[in-house]
Amino acid sequence: EELSKIEDRLRELKATGPVYITAEQIRQK
């Protein structure tokens, strides 16, 4: 069940494409 969830999440991440974060966002965090 956990493997299935991970595979679903991986497919979802691949479908959304890259997410960019700025240096300012990293600094704020």
PDB file of all heavy atoms in Angstrom:
ATOM      1  N   GLU A   1       0.827  -1.198   0.000  1.00  0.00           N
ATOM      2  CA  GLU A   1       0.000   0.000   0.000  1.00  0.00           C
ATOM      3  C   GLU A   1       0.870   1.261   0.000  1.00  0.00           C
ATOM      4  O   GLU A   1       0.613   2.216  -0.739  1.00  0.00           O
ATOM      5  CB  GLU A   1      -0.913  -0.014   1.222  1.00  0.00           C
ATOM      6  CG  GLU A   1      -1.872   1.140   1.293  1.00  0.00           C
ATOM      7  CD  GLU A   1      -2.770   1.051   2.508  1.00  0.00           C
ATOM      8  OE1 GLU A   1      -3.270  -0.049   2.819  1.00  0.00           O
ATOM      9  OE2 GLU A   1      -2.966   2.105   3.150  1.00  0.00           O
ATOM     10  N   GLU A   2       1.909   1.259   0.825  1.00  0.00           N
ATOM     11  CA  GLU A   2       2.816   2.403   0.888  1.00  0.00           C
ATOM     12  C   GLU A   2       3.553   2.594  -0.434  1.00  0.00           C
ATOM     13  O   GLU A   2       3.717   3.719  -0.909  1.00  0.00           O
ATOM     14  CB  GLU A   2       3.811   2.211   2.026  1.00  0.00           C
ATOM     15  CG  GLU A   2       4.644   3.434   2.300  1.00  0.00           C
ATOM     16  CD  GLU A   2       5.502   3.299   3.542  1.00  0.00           C
ATOM     17  OE1 GLU A   2       5.203   2.464   4.405  1.00  0.00           O
ATOM     18  OE2 GLU A   2       6.482   4.053   3.637  1.00  0.00           O
ATOM     19  N   LEU A   3       3.977   1.493  -1.048  1.00  0.00           N
ATOM     20  CA  LEU A   3       4.643   1.577  -2.347  1.00  0.00           C
ATOM     21  C   LEU A   3       3.718   2.176  -3.389  1.00  0.00           C
ATOM     22  O   LEU A   3       4.122   3.025  -4.184  1.00  0.00           O
ATOM     23  CB  LEU A   3       5.123   0.192  -2.796  1.00  0.00           C
ATOM     24  CG  LEU A   3       5.775   0.128  -4.172  1.00  0.00           C
ATOM     25  CD1 LEU A   3       7.021   0.998  -4.231  1.00  0.00           C
ATOM     26  CD2 LEU A   3       6.096  -1.312  -4.538  1.00  0.00           C
ATOM     27  N   SER A   4       2.462   1.767  -3.366  1.00  0.00           N
ATOM     28  CA  SER A   4       1.485   2.305  -4.308  1.00  0.00           C
ATOM     29  C   SER A   4       1.320   3.813  -4.117  1.00  0.00           C
ATOM     30  O   SER A   4       1.276   4.573  -5.090  1.00  0.00           O
ATOM     31  CB  SER A   4       0.146   1.599  -4.117  1.00  0.00           C
ATOM     32  OG  SER A   4      -0.830   2.156  -4.950  1.00  0.00           O
ATOM     33  N   LYS A   5       1.262   4.269  -2.862  1.00  0.00           N
ATOM     34  CA  LYS A   5       1.142   5.696  -2.592  1.00  0.00           C
ATOM     35  C   LYS A   5       2.367   6.458  -3.079  1.00  0.00           C
ATOM     36  O   LYS A   5       2.254   7.548  -3.643  1.00  0.00           O
ATOM     37  CB  LYS A   5       0.950   5.934  -1.090  1.00  0.00           C
ATOM     38  CG  LYS A   5      -0.402   5.540  -0.577  1.00  0.00           C
ATOM     39  CD  LYS A   5      -0.500   5.772   0.920  1.00  0.00           C
ATOM     40  CE  LYS A   5      -1.817   5.303   1.477  1.00  0.00           C
ATOM     41  NZ  LYS A   5      -1.901   5.463   2.930  1.00  0.00           N
ATOM     42  N   ILE A   6       3.535   5.885  -2.869  1.00  0.00           N
ATOM     43  CA  ILE A   6       4.779   6.529  -3.299  1.00  0.00           C
ATOM     44  C   ILE A   6       4.825   6.624  -4.820  1.00  0.00           C
ATOM     45  O   ILE A   6       5.210   7.661  -5.375  1.00  0.00           O
ATOM     46  CB  ILE A   6       6.003   5.771  -2.743  1.00  0.00           C
ATOM     47  CG1 ILE A   6       6.089   5.966  -1.230  1.00  0.00           C
ATOM     48  CG2 ILE A   6       7.297   6.239  -3.415  1.00  0.00           C
ATOM     49  CD1 ILE A   6       7.106   5.090  -0.550  1.00  0.00           C
ATOM     50  N   GLU A   7       4.427   5.555  -5.494  1.00  0.00           N
ATOM     51  CA  GLU A   7       4.413   5.581  -6.959  1.00  0.00           C
ATOM     52  C   GLU A   7       3.421   6.608  -7.474  1.00  0.00           C
ATOM     53  O   GLU A   7       3.706   7.321  -8.442  1.00  0.00           O
ATOM     54  CB  GLU A   7       4.099   4.188  -7.506  1.00  0.00           C
ATOM     55  CG  GLU A   7       5.242   3.211  -7.326  1.00  0.00           C
ATOM     56  CD  GLU A   7       4.863   1.782  -7.678  1.00  0.00           C
ATOM     57  OE1 GLU A   7       3.649   1.445  -7.695  1.00  0.00           O
ATOM     58  OE2 GLU A   7       5.787   0.990  -7.936  1.00  0.00           O
ATOM     59  N   ASP A   8       2.257   6.723  -6.834  1.00  0.00           N
ATOM     60  CA  ASP A   8       1.275   7.742  -7.219  1.00  0.00           C
ATOM     61  C   ASP A   8       1.841   9.139  -7.031  1.00  0.00           C
ATOM     62  O   ASP A   8       1.690  10.009  -7.888  1.00  0.00           O
ATOM     63  CB  ASP A   8      -0.012   7.595  -6.406  1.00  0.00           C
ATOM     64  CG  ASP A   8      -0.805   6.351  -6.756  1.00  0.00           C
ATOM     65  OD1 ASP A   8      -0.555   5.756  -7.831  1.00  0.00           O
ATOM     66  OD2 ASP A   8      -1.680   5.971  -5.948  1.00  0.00           O
ATOM     67  N   ARG A   9       2.512   9.350  -5.907  1.00  0.00           N
ATOM     68  CA  ARG A   9       3.109  10.659  -5.627  1.00  0.00           C
ATOM     69  C   ARG A   9       4.212  10.994  -6.631  1.00  0.00           C
ATOM     70  O   ARG A   9       4.331  12.122  -7.089  1.00  0.00           O
ATOM     71  CB  ARG A   9       3.666  10.666  -4.192  1.00  0.00           C
ATOM     72  CG  ARG A   9       4.336  11.949  -3.797  1.00  0.00           C
ATOM     73  CD  ARG A   9       3.351  13.065  -3.576  1.00  0.00           C
ATOM     74  NE  ARG A   9       4.060  14.228  -3.068  1.00  0.00           N
ATOM     75  CZ  ARG A   9       3.878  15.450  -3.512  1.00  0.00           C
ATOM     76  NH1 ARG A   9       2.976  15.689  -4.421  1.00  0.00           N
ATOM     77  NH2 ARG A   9       4.575  16.443  -3.027  1.00  0.00           N
ATOM     78  N   LEU A  10       4.999   9.987  -6.997  1.00  0.00           N
ATOM     79  CA  LEU A  10       6.058  10.182  -7.979  1.00  0.00           C
ATOM     80  C   LEU A  10       5.472  10.574  -9.330  1.00  0.00           C
ATOM     81  O   LEU A  10       5.963  11.498  -9.983  1.00  0.00           O
ATOM     82  CB  LEU A  10       6.903   8.918  -8.107  1.00  0.00           C
ATOM     83  CG  LEU A  10       8.068   8.968  -9.087  1.00  0.00           C
ATOM     84  CD1 LEU A  10       9.053  10.065  -8.711  1.00  0.00           C
ATOM     85  CD2 LEU A  10       8.770   7.622  -9.139  1.00  0.00           C
ATOM     86  N   ARG A  11       4.408   9.890  -9.746  1.00  0.00           N
ATOM     87  CA  ARG A  11       3.753  10.252 -11.008  1.00  0.00           C
ATOM     88  C   ARG A  11       3.207  11.672 -10.955  1.00  0.00           C
ATOM     89  O   ARG A  11       3.318  12.437 -11.907  1.00  0.00           O
ATOM     90  CB  ARG A  11       2.617   9.264 -11.316  1.00  0.00           C
ATOM     91  CG  ARG A  11       3.080   7.977 -11.951  1.00  0.00           C
ATOM     92  CD  ARG A  11       1.914   7.169 -12.502  1.00  0.00           C
ATOM     93  NE  ARG A  11       1.081   6.622 -11.437  1.00  0.00           N
ATOM     94  CZ  ARG A  11       1.350   5.515 -10.764  1.00  0.00           C
ATOM     95  NH1 ARG A  11       2.445   4.838 -11.022  1.00  0.00           N
ATOM     96  NH2 ARG A  11       0.531   5.080  -9.830  1.00  0.00           N
ATOM     97  N   GLU A  12       2.636  12.035  -9.811  1.00  0.00           N
ATOM     98  CA  GLU A  12       2.104  13.380  -9.635  1.00  0.00           C
ATOM     99  C   GLU A  12       3.210  14.428  -9.734  1.00  0.00           C
ATOM    100  O   GLU A  12       3.052  15.454 -10.396  1.00  0.00           O
ATOM    101  CB  GLU A  12       1.420  13.453  -8.273  1.00  0.00           C
ATOM    102  CG  GLU A  12       0.827  14.784  -7.926  1.00  0.00           C
ATOM    103  CD  GLU A  12       0.250  14.788  -6.518  1.00  0.00           C
ATOM    104  OE1 GLU A  12      -0.472  13.836  -6.167  1.00  0.00           O
ATOM    105  OE2 GLU A  12       0.545  15.743  -5.772  1.00  0.00           O
ATOM    106  N   LEU A  13       4.343  14.165  -9.090  1.00  0.00           N
ATOM    107  CA  LEU A  13       5.459  15.105  -9.143  1.00  0.00           C
ATOM    108  C   LEU A  13       6.025  15.232 -10.550  1.00  0.00           C
ATOM    109  O   LEU A  13       6.385  16.331 -10.984  1.00  0.00           O
ATOM    110  CB  LEU A  13       6.557  14.678  -8.170  1.00  0.00           C
ATOM    111  CG  LEU A  13       6.242  14.864  -6.692  1.00  0.00           C
ATOM    112  CD1 LEU A  13       7.323  14.217  -5.844  1.00  0.00           C
ATOM    113  CD2 LEU A  13       6.103  16.330  -6.351  1.00  0.00           C
ATOM    114  N   LYS A  14       6.123  14.119 -11.258  1.00  0.00           N
ATOM    115  CA  LYS A  14       6.631  14.165 -12.628  1.00  0.00           C
ATOM    116  C   LYS A  14       5.684  14.938 -13.541  1.00  0.00           C
ATOM    117  O   LYS A  14       6.124  15.615 -14.467  1.00  0.00           O
ATOM    118  CB  LYS A  14       6.840  12.750 -13.165  1.00  0.00           C
ATOM    119  CG  LYS A  14       8.061  12.076 -12.585  1.00  0.00           C
ATOM    120  CD  LYS A  14       8.248  10.688 -13.181  1.00  0.00           C
ATOM    121  CE  LYS A  14       9.500  10.028 -12.648  1.00  0.00           C
ATOM    122  NZ  LYS A  14       9.686   8.673 -13.215  1.00  0.00           N
ATOM    123  N   ALA A  15       4.384  14.855 -13.278  1.00  0.00           N
ATOM    124  CA  ALA A  15       3.397  15.548 -14.106  1.00  0.00           C
ATOM    125  C   ALA A  15       3.411  17.058 -13.884  1.00  0.00           C
ATOM    126  O   ALA A  15       3.153  17.829 -14.806  1.00  0.00           O
ATOM    127  CB  ALA A  15       2.003  15.001 -13.830  1.00  0.00           C
ATOM    128  N   THR A  16       3.727  17.498 -12.659  1.00  0.00           N
ATOM    129  CA  THR A  16       3.692  18.931 -12.368  1.00  0.00           C
ATOM    130  C   THR A  16       4.929  19.662 -12.867  1.00  0.00           C
ATOM    131  O   THR A  16       4.899  20.869 -13.045  1.00  0.00           O
ATOM    132  CB  THR A  16       3.547  19.193 -10.853  1.00  0.00           C
ATOM    133  OG1 THR A  16       4.650  18.606 -10.180  1.00  0.00           O
ATOM    134  CG2 THR A  16       2.250  18.652 -10.323  1.00  0.00           C
ATOM    135  N   GLY A  17       5.995  18.940 -13.081  1.00  0.00           N
ATOM    136  CA  GLY A  17       7.214  19.572 -13.570  1.00  0.00           C
ATOM    137  C   GLY A  17       8.012  20.196 -12.448  1.00  0.00           C
ATOM    138  O   GLY A  17       7.675  20.076 -11.274  1.00  0.00           O
ATOM    139  N   PRO A  18       9.090  20.878 -12.786  1.00  0.00           N
ATOM    140  CA  PRO A  18       9.978  21.441 -11.766  1.00  0.00           C
ATOM    141  C   PRO A  18       9.343  22.619 -11.032  1.00  0.00           C
ATOM    142  O   PRO A  18       8.506  23.330 -11.573  1.00  0.00           O
ATOM    143  CB  PRO A  18      11.199  21.900 -12.563  1.00  0.00           C
ATOM    144  CG  PRO A  18      10.686  22.121 -13.942  1.00  0.00           C
ATOM    145  CD  PRO A  18       9.562  21.142 -14.139  1.00  0.00           C
ATOM    146  N   VAL A  19       9.741  22.786  -9.793  1.00  0.00           N
ATOM    147  CA  VAL A  19       9.305  23.914  -8.983  1.00  0.00           C
ATOM    148  C   VAL A  19      10.561  24.700  -8.618  1.00  0.00           C
ATOM    149  O   VAL A  19      11.541  24.126  -8.150  1.00  0.00           O
ATOM    150  CB  VAL A  19       8.590  23.422  -7.696  1.00  0.00           C
ATOM    151  CG1 VAL A  19       8.222  24.591  -6.812  1.00  0.00           C
ATOM    152  CG2 VAL A  19       7.376  22.598  -8.046  1.00  0.00           C
ATOM    153  N   TYR A  20      10.524  25.978  -8.865  1.00  0.00           N
ATOM    154  CA  TYR A  20      11.689  26.815  -8.619  1.00  0.00           C
ATOM    155  C   TYR A  20      11.510  27.586  -7.315  1.00  0.00           C
ATOM    156  O   TYR A  20      10.426  28.016  -6.982  1.00  0.00           O
ATOM    157  CB  TYR A  20      11.909  27.780  -9.781  1.00  0.00           C
ATOM    158  CG  TYR A  20      12.181  27.058 -11.067  1.00  0.00           C
ATOM    159  CD1 TYR A  20      11.165  26.852 -11.996  1.00  0.00           C
ATOM    160  CD2 TYR A  20      13.432  26.540 -11.340  1.00  0.00           C
ATOM    161  CE1 TYR A  20      11.416  26.159 -13.172  1.00  0.00           C
ATOM    162  CE2 TYR A  20      13.687  25.851 -12.506  1.00  0.00           C
ATOM    163  CZ  TYR A  20      12.671  25.670 -13.419  1.00  0.00           C
ATOM    164  OH  TYR A  20      12.914  24.979 -14.574  1.00  0.00           O
ATOM    165  N   ILE A  21      12.603  27.752  -6.605  1.00  0.00           N
ATOM    166  CA  ILE A  21      12.609  28.502  -5.355  1.00  0.00           C
ATOM    167  C   ILE A  21      13.754  29.515  -5.434  1.00  0.00           C
ATOM    168  O   ILE A  21      14.832  29.203  -5.930  1.00  0.00           O
ATOM    169  CB  ILE A  21      12.752  27.554  -4.143  1.00  0.00           C
ATOM    170  CG1 ILE A  21      12.635  28.327  -2.846  1.00  0.00           C
ATOM    171  CG2 ILE A  21      14.025  26.752  -4.196  1.00  0.00           C
ATOM    172  CD1 ILE A  21      12.450  27.440  -1.629  1.00  0.00           C
ATOM    173  N   THR A  22      13.471  30.695  -4.955  1.00  0.00           N
ATOM    174  CA  THR A  22      14.472  31.753  -5.031  1.00  0.00           C
ATOM    175  C   THR A  22      15.372  31.733  -3.793  1.00  0.00           C
ATOM    176  O   THR A  22      15.033  31.151  -2.767  1.00  0.00           O
ATOM    177  CB  THR A  22      13.797  33.130  -5.126  1.00  0.00           C
ATOM    178  OG1 THR A  22      13.101  33.382  -3.894  1.00  0.00           O
ATOM    179  CG2 THR A  22      12.838  33.209  -6.293  1.00  0.00           C
ATOM    180  N   ALA A  23      16.485  32.419  -3.904  1.00  0.00           N
ATOM    181  CA  ALA A  23      17.408  32.533  -2.774  1.00  0.00           C
ATOM    182  C   ALA A  23      16.722  33.265  -1.623  1.00  0.00           C
ATOM    183  O   ALA A  23      16.942  32.939  -0.450  1.00  0.00           O
ATOM    184  CB  ALA A  23      18.679  33.256  -3.200  1.00  0.00           C
ATOM    185  N   GLU A  24      15.877  34.229  -1.946  1.00  0.00           N
ATOM    186  CA  GLU A  24      15.168  34.973  -0.902  1.00  0.00           C
ATOM    187  C   GLU A  24      14.208  34.064  -0.138  1.00  0.00           C
ATOM    188  O   GLU A  24      14.090  34.164   1.083  1.00  0.00           O
ATOM    189  CB  GLU A  24      14.399  36.156  -1.514  1.00  0.00           C
ATOM    190  CG  GLU A  24      13.682  37.010  -0.504  1.00  0.00           C
ATOM    191  CD  GLU A  24      14.597  37.623   0.555  1.00  0.00           C
ATOM    192  OE1 GLU A  24      15.771  37.905   0.262  1.00  0.00           O
ATOM    193  OE2 GLU A  24      14.118  37.806   1.696  1.00  0.00           O
ATOM    194  N   GLN A  25      13.535  33.148  -0.821  1.00  0.00           N
ATOM    195  CA  GLN A  25      12.638  32.212  -0.148  1.00  0.00           C
ATOM    196  C   GLN A  25      13.418  31.287   0.790  1.00  0.00           C
ATOM    197  O   GLN A  25      12.968  30.990   1.895  1.00  0.00           O
ATOM    198  CB  GLN A  25      11.856  31.390  -1.169  1.00  0.00           C
ATOM    199  CG  GLN A  25      10.822  32.196  -1.926  1.00  0.00           C
ATOM    200  CD  GLN A  25      10.233  31.424  -3.093  1.00  0.00           C
ATOM    201  OE1 GLN A  25      10.950  30.753  -3.829  1.00  0.00           O
ATOM    202  NE2 GLN A  25       8.926  31.522  -3.250  1.00  0.00           N
ATOM    203  N   ILE A  26      14.574  30.846   0.342  1.00  0.00           N
ATOM    204  CA  ILE A  26      15.424  30.005   1.184  1.00  0.00           C
ATOM    205  C   ILE A  26      15.890  30.793   2.402  1.00  0.00           C
ATOM    206  O   ILE A  26      15.864  30.294   3.534  1.00  0.00           O
ATOM    207  CB  ILE A  26      16.633  29.467   0.396  1.00  0.00           C
ATOM    208  CG1 ILE A  26      16.151  28.501  -0.687  1.00  0.00           C
ATOM    209  CG2 ILE A  26      17.643  28.802   1.311  1.00  0.00           C
ATOM    210  CD1 ILE A  26      17.223  28.075  -1.655  1.00  0.00           C
ATOM    211  N   ARG A  27      16.289  32.030   2.198  1.00  0.00           N
ATOM    212  CA  ARG A  27      16.740  32.883   3.293  1.00  0.00           C
ATOM    213  C   ARG A  27      15.613  33.098   4.309  1.00  0.00           C
ATOM    214  O   ARG A  27      15.834  33.032   5.531  1.00  0.00           O
ATOM    215  CB  ARG A  27      17.217  34.233   2.744  1.00  0.00           C
ATOM    216  CG  ARG A  27      17.986  35.062   3.741  1.00  0.00           C
ATOM    217  CD  ARG A  27      18.582  36.329   3.141  1.00  0.00           C
ATOM    218  NE  ARG A  27      19.506  36.035   2.057  1.00  0.00           N
ATOM    219  CZ  ARG A  27      19.299  36.319   0.753  1.00  0.00           C
ATOM    220  NH1 ARG A  27      18.195  36.928   0.374  1.00  0.00           N
ATOM    221  NH2 ARG A  27      20.182  36.014  -0.156  1.00  0.00           N
ATOM    222  N   GLN A  28      14.378  33.338   3.825  1.00  0.00           N
ATOM    223  CA  GLN A  28      13.248  33.547   4.720  1.00  0.00           C
ATOM    224  C   GLN A  28      12.963  32.294   5.552  1.00  0.00           C
ATOM    225  O   GLN A  28      12.707  32.382   6.755  1.00  0.00           O
ATOM    226  CB  GLN A  28      12.000  33.929   3.921  1.00  0.00           C
ATOM    227  CG  GLN A  28      12.035  35.321   3.364  1.00  0.00           C
ATOM    228  CD  GLN A  28      10.860  35.610   2.445  1.00  0.00           C
ATOM    229  OE1 GLN A  28      10.070  34.727   2.120  1.00  0.00           O
ATOM    230  NE2 GLN A  28      10.747  36.858   2.018  1.00  0.00           N
ATOM    231  N   LYS A  29      13.004  31.129   4.921  1.00  0.00           N
ATOM    232  CA  LYS A  29      12.756  29.876   5.631  1.00  0.00           C
ATOM    233  C   LYS A  29      13.845  29.642   6.672  1.00  0.00           C
ATOM    234  O   LYS A  29      13.567  29.230   7.796  1.00  0.00           O
ATOM    235  CB  LYS A  29      12.696  28.723   4.637  1.00  0.00           C
ATOM    236  CG  LYS A  29      12.181  27.450   5.224  1.00  0.00           C
ATOM    237  CD  LYS A  29      10.831  27.631   5.886  1.00  0.00           C
ATOM    238  CE  LYS A  29       9.732  27.004   5.111  1.00  0.00           C
ATOM    239  NZ  LYS A  29       8.445  27.033   5.843  1.00  0.00           N
TER     240      LYS A  29
END
